[in-house]
Amino acid sequence: MCINGLDLIKLAYFITLVESPNRLSQVIFWTITPRMDENRPTFKKAALI
């Protein structure tokens, strides 16, 4: 898709929260939409570490 001469890229996000005794962190992974299924296992594994 092109708007005002700029090509747009659709992104997919995987968002999770990581809680520790002293803080709460939000972790956001992103990739281009066609690669989300391919990258989802890696994102999930990284979120559990």
N, C-alpha and C. Protein backbone atom coordinates (compact mmCIF):
# COMPACT_ATOMS: atom_id res chain seq x y z
N MET A 1 0.84 -1.16 0.00
CA MET A 1 0.00 0.00 0.00
C MET A 1 0.89 1.23 0.00
N CYS A 2 0.46 2.24 -0.67
CA CYS A 2 1.25 3.46 -0.79
C CYS A 2 0.36 4.66 -0.45
N ILE A 3 0.81 5.50 0.49
CA ILE A 3 0.08 6.71 0.85
C ILE A 3 1.04 7.89 0.75
N ASN A 4 0.64 8.90 0.00
CA ASN A 4 1.47 10.10 -0.19
C ASN A 4 2.89 9.75 -0.61
N GLY A 5 3.04 8.75 -1.45
CA GLY A 5 4.35 8.38 -1.97
C GLY A 5 5.17 7.50 -1.04
N LEU A 6 4.62 7.13 0.13
CA LEU A 6 5.35 6.27 1.06
C LEU A 6 4.77 4.87 1.03
N ASP A 7 5.64 3.88 0.92
CA ASP A 7 5.20 2.50 1.00
C ASP A 7 4.98 2.15 2.46
N LEU A 8 3.84 1.55 2.76
CA LEU A 8 3.52 1.16 4.13
C LEU A 8 3.81 -0.31 4.32
N ILE A 9 4.35 -0.65 5.47
CA ILE A 9 4.65 -2.03 5.81
C ILE A 9 3.79 -2.42 6.99
N LYS A 10 3.05 -3.52 6.87
CA LYS A 10 2.22 -3.98 7.98
C LYS A 10 3.09 -4.75 8.97
N LEU A 11 2.94 -4.40 10.24
CA LEU A 11 3.71 -5.05 11.30
C LEU A 11 2.78 -5.83 12.21
N ALA A 12 3.34 -6.86 12.82
CA ALA A 12 2.63 -7.64 13.83
C ALA A 12 3.41 -7.52 15.13
N TYR A 13 2.67 -7.46 16.24
CA TYR A 13 3.29 -7.27 17.55
C TYR A 13 2.94 -8.42 18.48
N PHE A 14 3.88 -8.75 19.34
CA PHE A 14 3.68 -9.72 20.42
C PHE A 14 4.09 -8.97 21.68
N ILE A 15 3.13 -8.69 22.54
CA ILE A 15 3.38 -7.85 23.72
C ILE A 15 3.18 -8.69 24.97
N THR A 16 4.12 -8.59 25.89
CA THR A 16 4.00 -9.31 27.16
C THR A 16 4.51 -8.43 28.29
N LEU A 17 4.12 -8.77 29.50
CA LEU A 17 4.58 -8.07 30.70
C LEU A 17 5.44 -9.02 31.52
N VAL A 18 6.51 -8.49 32.08
CA VAL A 18 7.41 -9.28 32.93
C VAL A 18 7.44 -8.59 34.29
N GLU A 19 7.05 -9.34 35.32
CA GLU A 19 6.99 -8.78 36.66
C GLU A 19 8.11 -9.35 37.52
N SER A 20 8.81 -8.48 38.22
CA SER A 20 9.82 -8.89 39.19
C SER A 20 9.42 -8.25 40.52
N PRO A 21 10.12 -8.59 41.60
CA PRO A 21 9.74 -8.01 42.90
C PRO A 21 9.79 -6.47 42.92
N ASN A 22 10.65 -5.87 42.11
CA ASN A 22 10.83 -4.43 42.17
C ASN A 22 10.29 -3.65 40.98
N ARG A 23 9.87 -4.33 39.92
CA ARG A 23 9.41 -3.57 38.75
C ARG A 23 8.52 -4.43 37.86
N LEU A 24 7.85 -3.73 36.98
CA LEU A 24 7.02 -4.35 35.95
C LEU A 24 7.52 -3.82 34.61
N SER A 25 7.87 -4.71 33.71
CA SER A 25 8.40 -4.30 32.41
C SER A 25 7.49 -4.81 31.30
N GLN A 26 7.35 -4.00 30.29
CA GLN A 26 6.60 -4.40 29.10
C GLN A 26 7.61 -4.72 28.02
N VAL A 27 7.47 -5.90 27.42
CA VAL A 27 8.37 -6.33 26.35
C VAL A 27 7.55 -6.39 25.07
N ILE A 28 8.05 -5.72 24.04
CA ILE A 28 7.34 -5.69 22.76
C ILE A 28 8.25 -6.25 21.68
N PHE A 29 7.80 -7.32 21.06
CA PHE A 29 8.48 -7.89 19.91
C PHE A 29 7.67 -7.50 18.68
N TRP A 30 8.34 -7.23 17.58
CA TRP A 30 7.61 -6.92 16.36
C TRP A 30 8.31 -7.55 15.17
N THR A 31 7.53 -7.77 14.13
CA THR A 31 8.03 -8.33 12.88
C THR A 31 7.06 -7.92 11.78
N ILE A 32 7.45 -8.13 10.55
CA ILE A 32 6.49 -7.87 9.47
C ILE A 32 5.44 -8.97 9.52
N THR A 33 4.22 -8.61 9.19
CA THR A 33 3.08 -9.52 9.34
C THR A 33 3.30 -10.89 8.70
N PRO A 34 3.85 -10.98 7.49
CA PRO A 34 4.01 -12.31 6.89
C PRO A 34 4.95 -13.24 7.68
N ARG A 35 5.79 -12.69 8.55
CA ARG A 35 6.74 -13.52 9.30
C ARG A 35 6.31 -13.81 10.73
N MET A 36 5.12 -13.35 11.14
CA MET A 36 4.70 -13.53 12.53
C MET A 36 4.60 -15.00 12.91
N ASP A 37 3.98 -15.82 12.08
CA ASP A 37 3.86 -17.24 12.40
C ASP A 37 5.23 -17.90 12.53
N GLU A 38 6.16 -17.50 11.70
CA GLU A 38 7.53 -18.04 11.73
C GLU A 38 8.27 -17.60 13.01
N ASN A 39 8.05 -16.37 13.45
CA ASN A 39 8.79 -15.82 14.58
C ASN A 39 8.11 -16.01 15.93
N ARG A 40 6.84 -16.36 15.95
CA ARG A 40 6.10 -16.49 17.21
C ARG A 40 6.78 -17.42 18.22
N PRO A 41 7.26 -18.62 17.83
CA PRO A 41 7.92 -19.49 18.82
C PRO A 41 9.16 -18.84 19.46
N THR A 42 9.92 -18.10 18.68
CA THR A 42 11.10 -17.41 19.21
C THR A 42 10.68 -16.33 20.19
N PHE A 43 9.65 -15.58 19.86
CA PHE A 43 9.17 -14.52 20.74
C PHE A 43 8.69 -15.12 22.06
N LYS A 44 7.92 -16.21 21.98
CA LYS A 44 7.40 -16.84 23.20
C LYS A 44 8.53 -17.37 24.07
N LYS A 45 9.52 -17.98 23.44
CA LYS A 45 10.65 -18.51 24.20
C LYS A 45 11.41 -17.38 24.89
N ALA A 46 11.64 -16.29 24.20
CA ALA A 46 12.37 -15.15 24.78
C ALA A 46 11.57 -14.52 25.92
N ALA A 47 10.26 -14.51 25.81
CA ALA A 47 9.42 -13.90 26.85
C ALA A 47 9.44 -14.72 28.13
N LEU A 48 9.74 -16.00 28.04
CA LEU A 48 9.75 -16.87 29.23
C LEU A 48 11.08 -16.88 29.95
N ILE A 49 12.11 -16.30 29.37
CA ILE A 49 13.44 -16.31 29.99
C ILE A 49 13.48 -15.32 31.13
